[in-house]
C-alpha atoms as a PDB file:
ATOM      1  CA  MET A   1      14.687 -14.843   6.697  1.00  0.00           C
ATOM      2  CA  SER A   2      12.937 -12.019   5.225  1.00  0.00           C
ATOM      3  CA  MET A   3      12.448 -11.040   2.001  1.00  0.00           C
ATOM      4  CA  THR A   4      14.722  -8.820  -0.525  1.00  0.00           C
ATOM      5  CA  GLU A   5      12.965  -5.481  -1.632  1.00  0.00           C
ATOM      6  CA  GLN A   6      13.055  -6.943  -5.104  1.00  0.00           C
ATOM      7  CA  GLN A   7      11.383 -10.010  -3.901  1.00  0.00           C
ATOM      8  CA  ALA A   8       8.231  -7.942  -2.016  1.00  0.00           C
ATOM      9  CA  GLU A   9       8.478  -5.887  -5.123  1.00  0.00           C
ATOM     10  CA  GLN A  10       7.383  -8.417  -7.912  1.00  0.00           C
ATOM     11  CA  LEU A  11       5.214 -10.075  -5.612  1.00  0.00           C
ATOM     12  CA  ALA A  12       3.003  -7.239  -5.201  1.00  0.00           C
ATOM     13  CA  LEU A  13       3.334  -6.748  -8.682  1.00  0.00           C
ATOM     14  CA  GLU A  14       2.355 -10.443  -9.095  1.00  0.00           C
ATOM     15  CA  TYR A  15      -0.606  -9.521  -6.989  1.00  0.00           C
ATOM     16  CA  PHE A  16      -1.491  -6.125  -8.729  1.00  0.00           C
ATOM     17  CA  HIS A  17      -1.941  -7.830 -12.334  1.00  0.00           C
ATOM     18  CA  LYS A  18      -3.446 -10.449 -11.217  1.00  0.00           C
ATOM     19  CA  GLY A  19      -6.191  -7.716 -10.654  1.00  0.00           C
ATOM     20  CA  TYR A  20      -6.036  -7.140  -6.965  1.00  0.00           C
ATOM     21  CA  ASN A  21      -6.342  -3.733  -5.651  1.00  0.00           C
ATOM     22  CA  CYS A  22      -3.187  -2.084  -4.575  1.00  0.00           C
ATOM     23  CA  SER A  23      -3.474  -2.023  -1.143  1.00  0.00           C
ATOM     24  CA  GLN A  24      -4.445  -5.947  -0.956  1.00  0.00           C
ATOM     25  CA  SER A  25      -0.767  -6.084  -3.499  1.00  0.00           C
ATOM     26  CA  VAL A  26       1.395  -4.944  -0.776  1.00  0.00           C
ATOM     27  CA  PHE A  27      -0.047  -6.118   2.037  1.00  0.00           C
ATOM     28  CA  ALA A  28      -0.493 -10.035   0.578  1.00  0.00           C
ATOM     29  CA  ALA A  29       3.077  -9.708  -0.819  1.00  0.00           C
ATOM     30  CA  CYS A  30       3.833  -9.637   3.342  1.00  0.00           C
ATOM     31  CA  ALA A  31       1.027 -12.377   4.367  1.00  0.00           C
ATOM     32  CA  SER A  32       3.687 -14.688   5.369  1.00  0.00           C
ATOM     33  CA  GLU A  33       6.516 -12.107   7.043  1.00  0.00           C
ATOM     34  CA  VAL A  34       3.732 -10.922   9.042  1.00  0.00           C
ATOM     35  CA  GLY A  35       2.126 -14.211  10.140  1.00  0.00           C
ATOM     36  CA  LEU A  36      -0.804 -14.031   7.995  1.00  0.00           C
ATOM     37  CA  ASN A  37      -2.038 -16.372   5.264  1.00  0.00           C
ATOM     38  CA  GLU A  38      -2.389 -14.952   1.890  1.00  0.00           C
ATOM     39  CA  GLU A  39      -6.359 -15.574   1.778  1.00  0.00           C
ATOM     40  CA  GLN A  40      -6.158 -13.293   5.357  1.00  0.00           C
ATOM     41  CA  ALA A  41      -4.038 -10.204   4.384  1.00  0.00           C
ATOM     42  CA  LEU A  42      -6.163 -10.110   0.981  1.00  0.00           C
ATOM     43  CA  ARG A  43      -9.322  -9.964   2.975  1.00  0.00           C
ATOM     44  CA  LEU A  44      -8.082  -7.385   5.680  1.00  0.00           C
ATOM     45  CA  ALA A  45      -6.707  -4.955   2.866  1.00  0.00           C
ATOM     46  CA  ALA A  46      -9.363  -5.085   0.666  1.00  0.00           C
ATOM     47  CA  GLY A  47     -11.153  -1.860   1.504  1.00  0.00           C
ATOM     48  CA  PHE A  48      -8.344   0.313   1.637  1.00  0.00           C
ATOM     49  CA  GLY A  49      -7.368  -0.037  -2.533  1.00  0.00           C
ATOM     50  CA  ALA A  50      -8.098   2.648  -4.454  1.00  0.00           C
ATOM     51  CA  GLY A  51      -7.911   5.585  -1.918  1.00  0.00           C
ATOM     52  CA  VAL A  52      -9.957   3.543   0.393  1.00  0.00           C
ATOM     53  CA  GLY A  53     -13.275   2.250  -0.531  1.00  0.00           C
ATOM     54  CA  ARG A  54     -12.612   3.930  -4.558  1.00  0.00           C
ATOM     55  CA  MET A  55     -13.314   7.128  -3.086  1.00  0.00           C
ATOM     56  CA  ARG A  56      -9.529   8.091  -3.986  1.00  0.00           C
ATOM     57  CA  GLY A  57      -8.562   9.446  -0.456  1.00  0.00           C
ATOM     58  CA  MET A  58      -4.762   8.012   1.086  1.00  0.00           C
ATOM     59  CA  CYS A  59      -3.008   5.881  -1.934  1.00  0.00           C
ATOM     60  CA  GLY A  60      -4.074   2.456  -1.215  1.00  0.00           C
ATOM     61  CA  ALA A  61      -0.205   0.723  -1.599  1.00  0.00           C
ATOM     62  CA  PHE A  62       0.448   3.383   1.000  1.00  0.00           C
ATOM     63  CA  SER A  63      -1.988   2.020   3.082  1.00  0.00           C
ATOM     64  CA  GLY A  64      -0.772  -1.445   2.632  1.00  0.00           C
ATOM     65  CA  LEU A  65       2.918   0.080   3.458  1.00  0.00           C
ATOM     66  CA  THR A  66       0.954   1.611   6.925  1.00  0.00           C
ATOM     67  CA  LEU A  67      -0.803  -2.023   7.712  1.00  0.00           C
ATOM     68  CA  VAL A  68       3.066  -3.512   7.219  1.00  0.00           C
ATOM     69  CA  ALA A  69       4.421  -0.734   9.735  1.00  0.00           C
ATOM     70  CA  GLY A  70       1.625  -0.963  12.552  1.00  0.00           C
ATOM     71  CA  HIS A  71       2.826  -4.948  12.143  1.00  0.00           C
ATOM     72  CA  CYS A  72       6.571  -4.091  12.824  1.00  0.00           C
ATOM     73  CA  GLN A  73       6.165  -1.238  15.740  1.00  0.00           C
ATOM     74  CA  GLY A  74       2.268  -0.820  16.422  1.00  0.00           C
ATOM     75  CA  ASN A  75       1.364  -0.169  19.704  1.00  0.00           C
ATOM     76  CA  LEU A  76      -0.072  -2.238  22.150  1.00  0.00           C
ATOM     77  CA  THR A  77      -1.047   0.010  24.718  1.00  0.00           C
ATOM     78  CA  GLY A  78      -2.760   3.572  24.602  1.00  0.00           C
ATOM     79  CA  ARG A  79      -0.344   5.561  26.084  1.00  0.00           C
ATOM     80  CA  PRO A  80       0.388   8.488  23.766  1.00  0.00           C
ATOM     81  CA  GLU A  81       4.315   7.728  24.254  1.00  0.00           C
ATOM     82  CA  ASP A  82       3.351   4.346  22.477  1.00  0.00           C
ATOM     83  CA  LYS A  83       1.661   5.546  19.809  1.00  0.00           C
ATOM     84  CA  GLU A  84       3.646   8.459  18.768  1.00  0.00           C
ATOM     85  CA  VAL A  85       6.104   5.052  17.868  1.00  0.00           C
ATOM     86  CA  ILE A  86       3.864   4.067  14.780  1.00  0.00           C
ATOM     87  CA  PHE A  87       2.762   7.491  14.245  1.00  0.00           C
ATOM     88  CA  ALA A  88       6.836   9.086  13.546  1.00  0.00           C
ATOM     89  CA  LEU A  89       7.716   5.805  11.606  1.00  0.00           C
ATOM     90  CA  VAL A  90       4.004   6.422   9.221  1.00  0.00           C
ATOM     91  CA  ARG A  91       4.637  10.020   9.039  1.00  0.00           C
ATOM     92  CA  GLN A  92       8.461   9.972   7.688  1.00  0.00           C
ATOM     93  CA  LEU A  93       7.118   6.824   5.788  1.00  0.00           C
ATOM     94  CA  ALA A  94       4.735   9.277   3.718  1.00  0.00           C
ATOM     95  CA  GLU A  95       7.282  12.161   3.432  1.00  0.00           C
ATOM     96  CA  GLU A  96       9.630   9.010   1.405  1.00  0.00           C
ATOM     97  CA  PHE A  97       6.116   8.564  -0.393  1.00  0.00           C
ATOM     98  CA  LYS A  98       5.637  11.932  -1.152  1.00  0.00           C
ATOM     99  CA  ALA A  99       9.246  12.977  -2.143  1.00  0.00           C
ATOM    100  CA  GLU A 100       8.936  10.310  -4.888  1.00  0.00           C
ATOM    101  CA  PHE A 101       5.445  10.770  -5.908  1.00  0.00           C
ATOM    102  CA  GLY A 102       4.431  14.373  -4.764  1.00  0.00           C
ATOM    103  CA  THR A 103       1.518  13.213  -3.476  1.00  0.00           C
ATOM    104  CA  LEU A 104      -0.064  10.336  -1.122  1.00  0.00           C
ATOM    105  CA  THR A 105      -3.520  11.173  -2.371  1.00  0.00           C
ATOM    106  CA  CYS A 106      -4.783   8.745  -5.183  1.00  0.00           C
ATOM    107  CA  ARG A 107      -7.423  11.313  -6.516  1.00  0.00           C
ATOM    108  CA  GLU A 108      -3.699  13.596  -7.853  1.00  0.00           C
ATOM    109  CA  LEU A 109      -1.703  10.240  -8.492  1.00  0.00           C
ATOM    110  CA  LEU A 110      -3.962   9.791 -11.089  1.00  0.00           C
ATOM    111  CA  HIS A 111      -4.907  13.327 -12.061  1.00  0.00           C
ATOM    112  CA  LEU A 112      -8.299  12.873 -11.488  1.00  0.00           C
ATOM    113  CA  ASP A 113     -10.965  16.106 -11.526  1.00  0.00           C
ATOM    114  CA  GLU A 114     -12.059  16.313  -7.363  1.00  0.00           C
ATOM    115  CA  HIS A 115     -15.628  16.035  -8.800  1.00  0.00           C
ATOM    116  CA  THR A 116     -15.257  13.265 -11.291  1.00  0.00           C
ATOM    117  CA  ARG A 117     -17.135  10.579 -10.331  1.00  0.00           C
ATOM    118  CA  GLU A 118     -15.807   7.967 -11.951  1.00  0.00           C
ATOM    119  CA  GLY A 119     -18.169   4.556 -12.129  1.00  0.00           C
ATOM    120  CA  ALA A 120     -18.800   2.184  -9.561  1.00  0.00           C
ATOM    121  CA  ARG A 121     -17.209  -1.127 -11.054  1.00  0.00           C
ATOM    122  CA  PRO A 122     -13.388  -0.735 -10.947  1.00  0.00           C
ATOM    123  CA  ASN A 123     -11.685  -0.625 -14.543  1.00  0.00           C
ATOM    124  CA  ASP A 124     -10.656  -3.677 -16.601  1.00  0.00           C
ATOM    125  CA  ARG A 125      -6.570  -4.378 -16.452  1.00  0.00           C
ATOM    126  CA  THR A 126      -5.673  -3.685 -19.617  1.00  0.00           C
ATOM    127  CA  GLN A 127      -1.972  -2.091 -20.993  1.00  0.00           C
ATOM    128  CA  ALA A 128      -3.914   1.138 -21.186  1.00  0.00           C
ATOM    129  CA  TYR A 129      -4.755   0.970 -17.814  1.00  0.00           C
ATOM    130  CA  TYR A 130      -1.031   0.280 -16.465  1.00  0.00           C
ATOM    131  CA  ASP A 131      -0.051   3.290 -19.277  1.00  0.00           C
ATOM    132  CA  ALA A 132      -2.454   5.778 -17.426  1.00  0.00           C
ATOM    133  CA  ARG A 133      -1.517   5.255 -13.858  1.00  0.00           C
ATOM    134  CA  PRO A 134       1.658   5.565 -11.718  1.00  0.00           C
ATOM    135  CA  CYS A 135       0.138   2.910  -9.880  1.00  0.00           C
ATOM    136  CA  GLU A 136       2.413  -0.092 -10.448  1.00  0.00           C
ATOM    137  CA  ARG A 137       5.632   2.576  -8.817  1.00  0.00           C
ATOM    138  CA  CYS A 138       3.597   2.830  -6.149  1.00  0.00           C
ATOM    139  CA  VAL A 139       3.066  -1.033  -5.731  1.00  0.00           C
ATOM    140  CA  ALA A 140       6.848  -1.606  -5.822  1.00  0.00           C
ATOM    141  CA  PHE A 141       7.848   1.506  -3.965  1.00  0.00           C
ATOM    142  CA  CYS A 142       6.017   0.481  -1.106  1.00  0.00           C
ATOM    143  CA  ALA A 143       6.523  -3.094  -1.112  1.00  0.00           C
ATOM    144  CA  ALA A 144       9.787  -2.435  -1.330  1.00  0.00           C
ATOM    145  CA  ARG A 145       9.854  -0.257   1.921  1.00  0.00           C
ATOM    146  CA  ALA A 146       7.508  -3.190   3.621  1.00  0.00           C
ATOM    147  CA  ALA A 147      10.128  -5.758   2.831  1.00  0.00           C
ATOM    148  CA  GLU A 148      12.913  -3.162   4.489  1.00  0.00           C
ATOM    149  CA  LEU A 149      10.975  -2.612   7.696  1.00  0.00           C
ATOM    150  CA  LEU A 150      10.154  -6.569   7.999  1.00  0.00           C
ATOM    151  CA  SER A 151      14.167  -7.251   7.308  1.00  0.00           C
ATOM    152  CA  ALA A 152      14.751  -4.284  10.275  1.00  0.00           C
ATOM    153  CA  ARG A 153      12.876  -6.140  12.993  1.00  0.00           C
END
């Protein structure tokens, strides 16, 4: 039996509050549903956090959702028509995310100037950290959508 959207949101936020990045939080919440253990899921999603390697590109939470989408509908052949199934799903999910948050780009979600370079060290998780960014909402949104995808298989 698949987890509910609320269970996925809660578990993803628990991971996030423990200090895991957005991608890890979404993907690890779904680990057992995709046939992985927690350690495998955390390792696979680790590099996608903070907009991929902290380059502030595509939102890490959305990257975690994309990993789940690949599990659900990823192509197992090199045929273009098979690739299009997952590509269409990811584009649909991206439109839903953008409708909710305005952008898929981490830098824009965090309202960071394109020329601003943050330090190399990730930020400490304090209440001010959570209050200043939409990451909790992005993680919850993506975890809920991941649970929907998993229950529809």
